[in-house]
Amino acid sequence: MATCPACDADDLEVDEFDVEEGDIVNCPECGASLVVNSLSPLEFETADDEDEDDDDEDEEDEEDADDEDEDDVDEDDEEDEREDWEE
Protein backbone atom coordinates (compact mmCIF):
# COMPACT_ATOMS: atom_id res chain seq x y z
CA MET A 1 0.00 0.00 0.00
CA ALA A 2 1.07 3.54 -0.70
CA THR A 3 1.02 6.57 1.57
CA CYS A 4 -0.50 9.96 0.77
CA PRO A 5 2.21 12.65 0.90
CA ALA A 6 -0.35 15.29 1.86
CA CYS A 7 -1.96 13.64 4.91
CA ASP A 8 0.17 10.50 5.47
CA ALA A 9 -2.87 8.23 5.10
CA ASP A 10 -1.79 4.62 4.61
CA ASP A 11 -4.99 3.35 3.03
CA LEU A 12 -4.45 4.33 -0.61
CA GLU A 13 -5.79 1.23 -2.30
CA VAL A 14 -4.25 1.70 -5.72
CA ASP A 15 -3.03 -1.31 -7.67
CA GLU A 16 0.27 -0.59 -9.43
CA PHE A 17 -1.04 -2.57 -12.42
CA ASP A 18 -4.04 -0.24 -12.81
CA VAL A 19 -2.03 3.01 -13.03
CA GLU A 20 0.90 4.42 -14.97
CA GLU A 21 3.49 7.01 -13.98
CA GLY A 22 1.98 10.47 -14.33
CA ASP A 23 -1.60 9.33 -13.65
CA ILE A 24 -3.57 11.37 -11.14
CA VAL A 25 -5.54 9.77 -8.31
CA ASN A 26 -7.34 11.29 -5.33
CA CYS A 27 -6.67 10.49 -1.70
CA PRO A 28 -9.82 9.09 -0.06
CA GLU A 29 -8.87 10.70 3.29
CA CYS A 30 -7.99 14.31 2.41
CA GLY A 31 -9.11 14.51 -1.24
CA ALA A 32 -5.70 15.69 -2.46
CA SER A 33 -4.85 15.14 -6.11
CA LEU A 34 -1.84 12.85 -6.29
CA VAL A 35 0.44 12.10 -9.23
CA VAL A 36 1.86 8.60 -9.56
CA ASN A 37 5.58 9.25 -9.19
CA SER A 38 6.84 5.66 -9.21
CA LEU A 39 5.30 2.23 -9.75
CA SER A 40 7.72 -0.02 -7.91
CA PRO A 41 7.44 0.89 -5.12
CA LEU A 42 4.17 2.74 -5.66
CA GLU A 43 4.81 6.38 -4.67
CA PHE A 44 2.87 9.59 -5.10
CA GLU A 45 3.53 13.32 -4.99
CA THR A 46 0.89 15.98 -4.64
CA ALA A 47 -0.30 17.29 -7.99
CA ASP A 48 -0.44 20.83 -6.58
CA ASP A 49 3.34 20.87 -6.01
CA GLU A 50 3.98 19.83 -9.60
CA ASP A 51 1.63 22.53 -10.94
CA GLU A 52 3.39 25.22 -8.89
CA ASP A 53 6.76 24.16 -10.28
CA ASP A 54 5.40 24.38 -13.81
CA ASP A 55 3.95 27.83 -13.13
CA ASP A 56 7.29 29.07 -11.80
CA GLU A 57 9.07 27.82 -14.93
CA ASP A 58 6.45 29.45 -17.17
CA GLU A 59 6.90 32.79 -15.41
CA GLU A 60 10.69 32.58 -15.80
CA ASP A 61 10.32 31.80 -19.50
CA GLU A 62 8.02 34.80 -19.96
CA GLU A 63 10.49 37.08 -18.16
CA ASP A 64 13.34 35.83 -20.36
CA ALA A 65 11.26 36.43 -23.49
CA ASP A 66 10.45 39.98 -22.31
CA ASP A 67 14.13 40.69 -21.74
CA GLU A 68 15.01 39.46 -25.22
CA ASP A 69 12.30 41.65 -26.77
CA GLU A 70 13.69 44.72 -25.00
CA ASP A 71 17.18 43.93 -26.30
CA ASP A 72 15.88 43.67 -29.86
CA VAL A 73 14.16 47.05 -29.60
CA ASP A 74 17.31 48.71 -28.27
CA GLU A 75 19.44 47.37 -31.13
CA ASP A 76 16.90 48.53 -33.72
CA ASP A 77 16.79 52.02 -32.19
CA GLU A 78 20.58 52.27 -32.28
CA GLU A 79 20.67 51.31 -35.96
CA ASP A 80 18.02 53.93 -36.78
CA GLU A 81 19.97 56.59 -34.90
CA ARG A 82 23.17 55.68 -36.74
CA GLU A 83 21.44 55.93 -40.09
CA ASP A 84 19.96 59.32 -39.20
CA TRP A 85 23.32 60.58 -38.01
CA GLU A 86 25.16 59.37 -41.10
CA GLU A 87 22.80 61.20 -43.43
PDB file of N, CA and C in Angstrom:
ATOM      1  N   MET A   1       0.830  -1.193   0.000  1.00  0.00           N
ATOM      2  CA  MET A   1       0.000   0.000   0.000  1.00  0.00           C
ATOM      3  C   MET A   1       0.868   1.247   0.000  1.00  0.00           C
ATOM      4  N   ALA A   2       0.339   2.274  -0.608  1.00  0.00           N
ATOM      5  CA  ALA A   2       1.069   3.535  -0.704  1.00  0.00           C
ATOM      6  C   ALA A   2       0.556   4.522   0.340  1.00  0.00           C
ATOM      7  N   THR A   3       1.359   5.542   0.583  1.00  0.00           N
ATOM      8  CA  THR A   3       1.023   6.565   1.570  1.00  0.00           C
ATOM      9  C   THR A   3       0.790   7.895   0.866  1.00  0.00           C
ATOM     10  N   CYS A   4      -0.207   8.633   1.319  1.00  0.00           N
ATOM     11  CA  CYS A   4      -0.502   9.963   0.771  1.00  0.00           C
ATOM     12  C   CYS A   4       0.526  10.951   1.306  1.00  0.00           C
ATOM     13  N   PRO A   5       1.219  11.672   0.429  1.00  0.00           N
ATOM     14  CA  PRO A   5       2.213  12.646   0.903  1.00  0.00           C
ATOM     15  C   PRO A   5       1.582  13.883   1.539  1.00  0.00           C
ATOM     16  N   ALA A   6       0.293  14.109   1.302  1.00  0.00           N
ATOM     17  CA  ALA A   6      -0.352  15.291   1.860  1.00  0.00           C
ATOM     18  C   ALA A   6      -0.822  15.074   3.293  1.00  0.00           C
ATOM     19  N   CYS A   7      -1.394  13.866   3.580  1.00  0.00           N
ATOM     20  CA  CYS A   7      -1.956  13.640   4.909  1.00  0.00           C
ATOM     21  C   CYS A   7      -1.391  12.401   5.599  1.00  0.00           C
ATOM     22  N   ASP A   8      -0.467  11.705   4.947  1.00  0.00           N
ATOM     23  CA  ASP A   8       0.172  10.498   5.473  1.00  0.00           C
ATOM     24  C   ASP A   8      -0.791   9.334   5.694  1.00  0.00           C
ATOM     25  N   ALA A   9      -1.938   9.352   5.012  1.00  0.00           N
ATOM     26  CA  ALA A   9      -2.873   8.227   5.105  1.00  0.00           C
ATOM     27  C   ALA A   9      -2.246   7.003   4.447  1.00  0.00           C
ATOM     28  N   ASP A  10      -2.384   5.852   5.116  1.00  0.00           N
ATOM     29  CA  ASP A  10      -1.789   4.615   4.610  1.00  0.00           C
ATOM     30  C   ASP A  10      -2.766   3.759   3.817  1.00  0.00           C
ATOM     31  N   ASP A  11      -3.980   4.217   3.634  1.00  0.00           N
ATOM     32  CA  ASP A  11      -4.991   3.353   3.030  1.00  0.00           C
ATOM     33  C   ASP A  11      -5.282   3.680   1.563  1.00  0.00           C
ATOM     34  N   LEU A  12      -4.268   4.099   0.823  1.00  0.00           N
ATOM     35  CA  LEU A  12      -4.453   4.334  -0.608  1.00  0.00           C
ATOM     36  C   LEU A  12      -4.475   2.978  -1.307  1.00  0.00           C
ATOM     37  N   GLU A  13      -5.647   2.539  -1.672  1.00  0.00           N
ATOM     38  CA  GLU A  13      -5.790   1.230  -2.299  1.00  0.00           C
ATOM     39  C   GLU A  13      -5.706   1.389  -3.807  1.00  0.00           C
ATOM     40  N   VAL A  14      -4.509   1.543  -4.294  1.00  0.00           N
ATOM     41  CA  VAL A  14      -4.255   1.697  -5.722  1.00  0.00           C
ATOM     42  C   VAL A  14      -3.361   0.539  -6.146  1.00  0.00           C
ATOM     43  N   ASP A  15      -3.804  -0.185  -7.166  1.00  0.00           N
ATOM     44  CA  ASP A  15      -3.029  -1.308  -7.674  1.00  0.00           C
ATOM     45  C   ASP A  15      -2.033  -0.780  -8.698  1.00  0.00           C
ATOM     46  N   GLU A  16      -0.761  -1.095  -8.527  1.00  0.00           N
ATOM     47  CA  GLU A  16       0.269  -0.591  -9.427  1.00  0.00           C
ATOM     48  C   GLU A  16       0.060  -1.052 -10.871  1.00  0.00           C
ATOM     49  N   PHE A  17      -0.761  -2.091 -11.064  1.00  0.00           N
ATOM     50  CA  PHE A  17      -1.035  -2.574 -12.416  1.00  0.00           C
ATOM     51  C   PHE A  17      -2.175  -1.796 -13.073  1.00  0.00           C
ATOM     52  N   ASP A  18      -2.916  -1.015 -12.289  1.00  0.00           N
ATOM     53  CA  ASP A  18      -4.042  -0.239 -12.807  1.00  0.00           C
ATOM     54  C   ASP A  18      -3.650   1.198 -13.158  1.00  0.00           C
ATOM     55  N   VAL A  19      -2.457   1.627 -12.780  1.00  0.00           N
ATOM     56  CA  VAL A  19      -2.031   3.006 -13.030  1.00  0.00           C
ATOM     57  C   VAL A  19      -0.696   3.030 -13.753  1.00  0.00           C
ATOM     58  N   GLU A  20      -0.389   4.183 -14.328  1.00  0.00           N
ATOM     59  CA  GLU A  20       0.902   4.423 -14.971  1.00  0.00           C
ATOM     60  C   GLU A  20       1.523   5.653 -14.333  1.00  0.00           C
ATOM     61  N   GLU A  21       2.834   5.808 -14.487  1.00  0.00           N
ATOM     62  CA  GLU A  21       3.492   7.007 -13.978  1.00  0.00           C
ATOM     63  C   GLU A  21       2.872   8.233 -14.634  1.00  0.00           C
ATOM     64  N   GLY A  22       2.586   9.244 -13.832  1.00  0.00           N
ATOM     65  CA  GLY A  22       1.985  10.472 -14.332  1.00  0.00           C
ATOM     66  C   GLY A  22       0.477  10.508 -14.164  1.00  0.00           C
ATOM     67  N   ASP A  23      -0.156   9.356 -13.890  1.00  0.00           N
ATOM     68  CA  ASP A  23      -1.596   9.331 -13.650  1.00  0.00           C
ATOM     69  C   ASP A  23      -1.923  10.102 -12.379  1.00  0.00           C
ATOM     70  N   ILE A  24      -3.136  10.631 -12.316  1.00  0.00           N
ATOM     71  CA  ILE A  24      -3.573  11.374 -11.142  1.00  0.00           C
ATOM     72  C   ILE A  24      -4.679  10.586 -10.448  1.00  0.00           C
ATOM     73  N   VAL A  25      -4.532  10.419  -9.148  1.00  0.00           N
ATOM     74  CA  VAL A  25      -5.539   9.770  -8.314  1.00  0.00           C
ATOM     75  C   VAL A  25      -5.842  10.699  -7.144  1.00  0.00           C
ATOM     76  N   ASN A  26      -6.959  10.470  -6.479  1.00  0.00           N
ATOM     77  CA  ASN A  26      -7.340  11.293  -5.333  1.00  0.00           C
ATOM     78  C   ASN A  26      -7.241  10.487  -4.050  1.00  0.00           C
ATOM     79  N   CYS A  27      -6.761  11.120  -3.004  1.00  0.00           N
ATOM     80  CA  CYS A  27      -6.665  10.491  -1.695  1.00  0.00           C
ATOM     81  C   CYS A  27      -8.075  10.407  -1.100  1.00  0.00           C
ATOM     82  N   PRO A  28      -8.488   9.217  -0.644  1.00  0.00           N
ATOM     83  CA  PRO A  28      -9.820   9.095  -0.058  1.00  0.00           C
ATOM     84  C   PRO A  28      -9.946   9.807   1.297  1.00  0.00           C
ATOM     85  N   GLU A  29      -8.844  10.049   1.973  1.00  0.00           N
ATOM     86  CA  GLU A  29      -8.870  10.703   3.287  1.00  0.00           C
ATOM     87  C   GLU A  29      -8.976  12.218   3.175  1.00  0.00           C
ATOM     88  N   CYS A  30      -8.048  12.843   2.445  1.00  0.00           N
ATOM     89  CA  CYS A  30      -7.985  14.310   2.407  1.00  0.00           C
ATOM     90  C   CYS A  30      -8.463  14.893   1.078  1.00  0.00           C
ATOM     91  N   GLY A  31      -8.625  14.041   0.057  1.00  0.00           N
ATOM     92  CA  GLY A  31      -9.105  14.511  -1.238  1.00  0.00           C
ATOM     93  C   GLY A  31      -8.033  15.148  -2.102  1.00  0.00           C
ATOM     94  N   ALA A  32      -6.788  15.088  -1.686  1.00  0.00           N
ATOM     95  CA  ALA A  32      -5.700  15.693  -2.460  1.00  0.00           C
ATOM     96  C   ALA A  32      -5.520  14.967  -3.788  1.00  0.00           C
ATOM     97  N   SER A  33      -5.190  15.720  -4.817  1.00  0.00           N
ATOM     98  CA  SER A  33      -4.849  15.136  -6.109  1.00  0.00           C
ATOM     99  C   SER A  33      -3.400  14.693  -6.054  1.00  0.00           C
ATOM    100  N   LEU A  34      -3.173  13.425  -6.383  1.00  0.00           N
ATOM    101  CA  LEU A  34      -1.836  12.848  -6.287  1.00  0.00           C
ATOM    102  C   LEU A  34      -1.394  12.332  -7.643  1.00  0.00           C
ATOM    103  N   VAL A  35      -0.154  12.582  -7.990  1.00  0.00           N
ATOM    104  CA  VAL A  35       0.436  12.098  -9.234  1.00  0.00           C
ATOM    105  C   VAL A  35       1.248  10.859  -8.919  1.00  0.00           C
ATOM    106  N   VAL A  36       1.071   9.812  -9.740  1.00  0.00           N
ATOM    107  CA  VAL A  36       1.858   8.601  -9.564  1.00  0.00           C
ATOM    108  C   VAL A  36       3.287   8.936  -9.961  1.00  0.00           C
ATOM    109  N   ASN A  37       4.188   8.864  -8.997  1.00  0.00           N
ATOM    110  CA  ASN A  37       5.579   9.246  -9.192  1.00  0.00           C
ATOM    111  C   ASN A  37       6.449   8.041  -9.536  1.00  0.00           C
ATOM    112  N   SER A  38       6.065   6.876  -9.008  1.00  0.00           N
ATOM    113  CA  SER A  38       6.837   5.662  -9.207  1.00  0.00           C
ATOM    114  C   SER A  38       5.897   4.474  -9.056  1.00  0.00           C
ATOM    115  N   LEU A  39       6.152   3.408  -9.822  1.00  0.00           N
ATOM    116  CA  LEU A  39       5.299   2.228  -9.748  1.00  0.00           C
ATOM    117  C   LEU A  39       5.848   1.150  -8.818  1.00  0.00           C
ATOM    118  N   SER A  40       7.149   1.033  -8.738  1.00  0.00           N
ATOM    119  CA  SER A  40       7.718  -0.016  -7.911  1.00  0.00           C
ATOM    120  C   SER A  40       8.878   0.549  -7.108  1.00  0.00           C
ATOM    121  N   PRO A  41       8.676   0.946  -5.890  1.00  0.00           N
ATOM    122  CA  PRO A  41       7.438   0.886  -5.120  1.00  0.00           C
ATOM    123  C   PRO A  41       6.476   1.990  -5.553  1.00  0.00           C
ATOM    124  N   LEU A  42       5.198   1.771  -5.295  1.00  0.00           N
ATOM    125  CA  LEU A  42       4.172   2.739  -5.664  1.00  0.00           C
ATOM    126  C   LEU A  42       4.313   3.977  -4.777  1.00  0.00           C
ATOM    127  N   GLU A  43       4.615   5.126  -5.405  1.00  0.00           N
ATOM    128  CA  GLU A  43       4.813   6.378  -4.673  1.00  0.00           C
ATOM    129  C   GLU A  43       4.059   7.496  -5.372  1.00  0.00           C
ATOM    130  N   PHE A  44       3.626   8.452  -4.585  1.00  0.00           N
ATOM    131  CA  PHE A  44       2.874   9.594  -5.098  1.00  0.00           C
ATOM    132  C   PHE A  44       3.530  10.897  -4.676  1.00  0.00           C
ATOM    133  N   GLU A  45       3.221  11.958  -5.421  1.00  0.00           N
ATOM    134  CA  GLU A  45       3.534  13.324  -4.993  1.00  0.00           C
ATOM    135  C   GLU A  45       2.284  14.131  -5.235  1.00  0.00           C
ATOM    136  N   THR A  46       2.105  15.193  -4.474  1.00  0.00           N
ATOM    137  CA  THR A  46       0.888  15.982  -4.636  1.00  0.00           C
ATOM    138  C   THR A  46       0.914  16.690  -5.980  1.00  0.00           C
ATOM    139  N   ALA A  47      -0.209  16.671  -6.661  1.00  0.00           N
ATOM    140  CA  ALA A  47      -0.303  17.286  -7.985  1.00  0.00           C
ATOM    141  C   ALA A  47      -0.150  18.798  -7.887  1.00  0.00           C
ATOM    142  N   ASP A  48      -0.555  19.389  -6.763  1.00  0.00           N
ATOM    143  CA  ASP A  48      -0.440  20.834  -6.584  1.00  0.00           C
ATOM    144  C   ASP A  48       1.002  21.281  -6.618  1.00  0.00           C
ATOM    145  N   ASP A  49       1.925  20.509  -6.008  1.00  0.00           N
ATOM    146  CA  ASP A  49       3.343  20.867  -6.010  1.00  0.00           C
ATOM    147  C   ASP A  49       3.887  20.880  -7.425  1.00  0.00           C
ATOM    148  N   GLU A  50       3.489  19.908  -8.229  1.00  0.00           N
ATOM    149  CA  GLU A  50       3.981  19.825  -9.601  1.00  0.00           C
ATOM    150  C   GLU A  50       3.474  21.002 -10.418  1.00  0.00           C
ATOM    151  N   ASP A  51       2.191  21.397 -10.209  1.00  0.00           N
ATOM    152  CA  ASP A  51       1.631  22.527 -10.941  1.00  0.00           C
ATOM    153  C   ASP A  51       2.349  23.821 -10.590  1.00  0.00           C
ATOM    154  N   GLU A  52       2.689  24.008  -9.299  1.00  0.00           N
ATOM    155  CA  GLU A  52       3.387  25.220  -8.894  1.00  0.00           C
ATOM    156  C   GLU A  52       4.755  25.302  -9.542  1.00  0.00           C
ATOM    157  N   ASP A  53       5.450  24.168  -9.635  1.00  0.00           N
ATOM    158  CA  ASP A  53       6.755  24.156 -10.279  1.00  0.00           C
ATOM    159  C   ASP A  53       6.635  24.554 -11.742  1.00  0.00           C
ATOM    160  N   ASP A  54       5.613  24.042 -12.416  1.00  0.00           N
ATOM    161  CA  ASP A  54       5.401  24.378 -13.814  1.00  0.00           C
ATOM    162  C   ASP A  54       5.095  25.858 -13.973  1.00  0.00           C
ATOM    163  N   ASP A  55       4.284  26.411 -13.059  1.00  0.00           N
ATOM    164  CA  ASP A  55       3.947  27.827 -13.131  1.00  0.00           C
ATOM    165  C   ASP A  55       5.187  28.684 -12.961  1.00  0.00           C
ATOM    166  N   ASP A  56       6.069  28.311 -12.028  1.00  0.00           N
ATOM    167  CA  ASP A  56       7.287  29.071 -11.804  1.00  0.00           C
ATOM    168  C   ASP A  56       8.152  29.067 -13.062  1.00  0.00           C
ATOM    169  N   GLU A  57       8.266  27.912 -13.714  1.00  0.00           N
ATOM    170  CA  GLU A  57       9.069  27.815 -14.927  1.00  0.00           C
ATOM    171  C   GLU A  57       8.462  28.658 -16.044  1.00  0.00           C
ATOM    172  N   ASP A  58       7.110  28.658 -16.147  1.00  0.00           N
ATOM    173  CA  ASP A  58       6.446  29.450 -17.174  1.00  0.00           C
ATOM    174  C   ASP A  58       6.716  30.931 -16.961  1.00  0.00           C
ATOM    175  N   GLU A  59       6.650  31.385 -15.699  1.00  0.00           N
ATOM    176  CA  GLU A  59       6.901  32.793 -15.405  1.00  0.00           C
ATOM    177  C   GLU A  59       8.329  33.175 -15.764  1.00  0.00           C
ATOM    178  N   GLU A  60       9.294  32.299 -15.468  1.00  0.00           N
ATOM    179  CA  GLU A  60      10.688  32.584 -15.797  1.00  0.00           C
ATOM    180  C   GLU A  60      10.873  32.667 -17.298  1.00  0.00           C
ATOM    181  N   ASP A  61      10.226  31.776 -18.042  1.00  0.00           N
ATOM    182  CA  ASP A  61      10.322  31.798 -19.496  1.00  0.00           C
ATOM    183  C   ASP A  61       9.759  33.094 -20.058  1.00  0.00           C
ATOM    184  N   GLU A  62       8.623  33.557 -19.502  1.00  0.00           N
ATOM    185  CA  GLU A  62       8.017  34.802 -19.964  1.00  0.00           C
ATOM    186  C   GLU A  62       8.943  35.981 -19.687  1.00  0.00           C
ATOM    187  N   GLU A  63       9.578  35.994 -18.504  1.00  0.00           N
ATOM    188  CA  GLU A  63      10.492  37.084 -18.163  1.00  0.00           C
ATOM    189  C   GLU A  63      11.678  37.097 -19.115  1.00  0.00           C
ATOM    190  N   ASP A  64      12.219  35.917 -19.432  1.00  0.00           N
ATOM    191  CA  ASP A  64      13.343  35.833 -20.361  1.00  0.00           C
ATOM    192  C   ASP A  64      12.940  36.339 -21.737  1.00  0.00           C
ATOM    193  N   ALA A  65      11.741  35.998 -22.182  1.00  0.00           N
ATOM    194  CA  ALA A  65      11.263  36.435 -23.489  1.00  0.00           C
ATOM    195  C   ALA A  65      11.103  37.956 -23.505  1.00  0.00           C
ATOM    196  N   ASP A  66      10.596  38.531 -22.395  1.00  0.00           N
ATOM    197  CA  ASP A  66      10.445  39.981 -22.315  1.00  0.00           C
ATOM    198  C   ASP A  66      11.802  40.668 -22.395  1.00  0.00           C
ATOM    199  N   ASP A  67      12.792  40.112 -21.711  1.00  0.00           N
ATOM    200  CA  ASP A  67      14.131  40.689 -21.736  1.00  0.00           C
ATOM    201  C   ASP A  67      14.706  40.658 -23.149  1.00  0.00           C
ATOM    202  N   GLU A  68      14.499  39.573 -23.864  1.00  0.00           N
ATOM    203  CA  GLU A  68      15.010  39.457 -25.224  1.00  0.00           C
ATOM    204  C   GLU A  68      14.337  40.470 -26.135  1.00  0.00           C
ATOM    205  N   ASP A  69      13.016  40.674 -25.955  1.00  0.00           N
ATOM    206  CA  ASP A  69      12.295  41.648 -26.769  1.00  0.00           C
ATOM    207  C   ASP A  69      12.848  43.050 -26.555  1.00  0.00           C
ATOM    208  N   GLU A  70      13.145  43.403 -25.303  1.00  0.00           N
ATOM    209  CA  GLU A  70      13.694  44.716 -25.002  1.00  0.00           C
ATOM    210  C   GLU A  70      15.055  44.889 -25.663  1.00  0.00           C
ATOM    211  N   ASP A  71      15.876  43.862 -25.664  1.00  0.00           N
ATOM    212  CA  ASP A  71      17.182  43.929 -26.296  1.00  0.00           C
ATOM    213  C   ASP A  71      17.042  44.161 -27.791  1.00  0.00           C
ATOM    214  N   ASP A  72      16.097  43.502 -28.426  1.00  0.00           N
ATOM    215  CA  ASP A  72      15.884  43.670 -29.858  1.00  0.00           C
ATOM    216  C   ASP A  72      15.477  45.097 -30.182  1.00  0.00           C
ATOM    217  N   VAL A  73      14.625  45.681 -29.362  1.00  0.00           N
ATOM    218  CA  VAL A  73      14.161  47.049 -29.595  1.00  0.00           C
ATOM    219  C   VAL A  73      15.336  48.008 -29.471  1.00  0.00           C
ATOM    220  N   ASP A  74      16.174  47.823 -28.474  1.00  0.00           N
ATOM    221  CA  ASP A  74      17.314  48.706 -28.267  1.00  0.00           C
ATOM    222  C   ASP A  74      18.265  48.670 -29.467  1.00  0.00           C
ATOM    223  N   GLU A  75      18.538  47.497 -29.994  1.00  0.00           N
ATOM    224  CA  GLU A  75      19.436  47.372 -31.129  1.00  0.00           C
ATOM    225  C   GLU A  75      18.847  48.054 -32.361  1.00  0.00           C
ATOM    226  N   ASP A  76      17.548  47.899 -32.574  1.00  0.00           N
ATOM    227  CA  ASP A  76      16.899  48.531 -33.720  1.00  0.00           C
ATOM    228  C   ASP A  76      16.957  50.048 -33.607  1.00  0.00           C
ATOM    229  N   ASP A  77      16.735  50.575 -32.403  1.00  0.00           N
ATOM    230  CA  ASP A  77      16.788  52.019 -32.193  1.00  0.00           C
ATOM    231  C   ASP A  77      18.188  52.550 -32.471  1.00  0.00           C
ATOM    232  N   GLU A  78      19.203  51.831 -32.045  1.00  0.00           N
ATOM    233  CA  GLU A  78      20.581  52.266 -32.276  1.00  0.00           C
ATOM    234  C   GLU A  78      20.897  52.306 -33.762  1.00  0.00           C
ATOM    235  N   GLU A  79      20.422  51.319 -34.518  1.00  0.00           N
ATOM    236  CA  GLU A  79      20.668  51.310 -35.962  1.00  0.00           C
ATOM    237  C   GLU A  79      19.986  52.492 -36.628  1.00  0.00           C
ATOM    238  N   ASP A  80      18.742  52.797 -36.218  1.00  0.00           N
ATOM    239  CA  ASP A  80      18.015  53.927 -36.784  1.00  0.00           C
ATOM    240  C   ASP A  80      18.753  55.238 -36.489  1.00  0.00           C
ATOM    241  N   GLU A  81      19.256  55.379 -35.266  1.00  0.00           N
ATOM    242  CA  GLU A  81      19.973  56.594 -34.895  1.00  0.00           C
ATOM    243  C   GLU A  81      21.248  56.738 -35.705  1.00  0.00           C
ATOM    244  N   ARG A  82      21.944  55.620 -35.944  1.00  0.00           N
ATOM    245  CA  ARG A  82      23.167  55.680 -36.738  1.00  0.00           C
ATOM    246  C   ARG A  82      22.864  56.108 -38.170  1.00  0.00           C
ATOM    247  N   GLU A  83      21.796  55.565 -38.727  1.00  0.00           N
ATOM    248  CA  GLU A  83      21.436  55.930 -40.094  1.00  0.00           C
ATOM    249  C   GLU A  83      21.093  57.413 -40.184  1.00  0.00           C
ATOM    250  N   ASP A  84      20.323  57.909 -39.197  1.00  0.00           N
ATOM    251  CA  ASP A  84      19.964  59.320 -39.199  1.00  0.00           C
ATOM    252  C   ASP A  84      21.201  60.207 -39.055  1.00  0.00           C
ATOM    253  N   TRP A  85      22.129  59.805 -38.252  1.00  0.00           N
ATOM    254  CA  TRP A  85      23.325  60.585 -38.009  1.00  0.00           C
ATOM    255  C   TRP A  85      24.217  60.598 -39.235  1.00  0.00           C
ATOM    256  N   GLU A  86      24.287  59.459 -39.920  1.00  0.00           N
ATOM    257  CA  GLU A  86      25.162  59.367 -41.098  1.00  0.00           C
ATOM    258  C   GLU A  86      24.654  60.208 -42.254  1.00  0.00           C
ATOM    259  N   GLU A  87      23.376  60.432 -42.315  1.00  0.00           N
ATOM    260  CA  GLU A  87      22.804  61.203 -43.431  1.00  0.00           C
ATOM    261  C   GLU A  87      23.089  62.625 -43.284  1.00  0.00           C
TER     262      GLU A  87
END
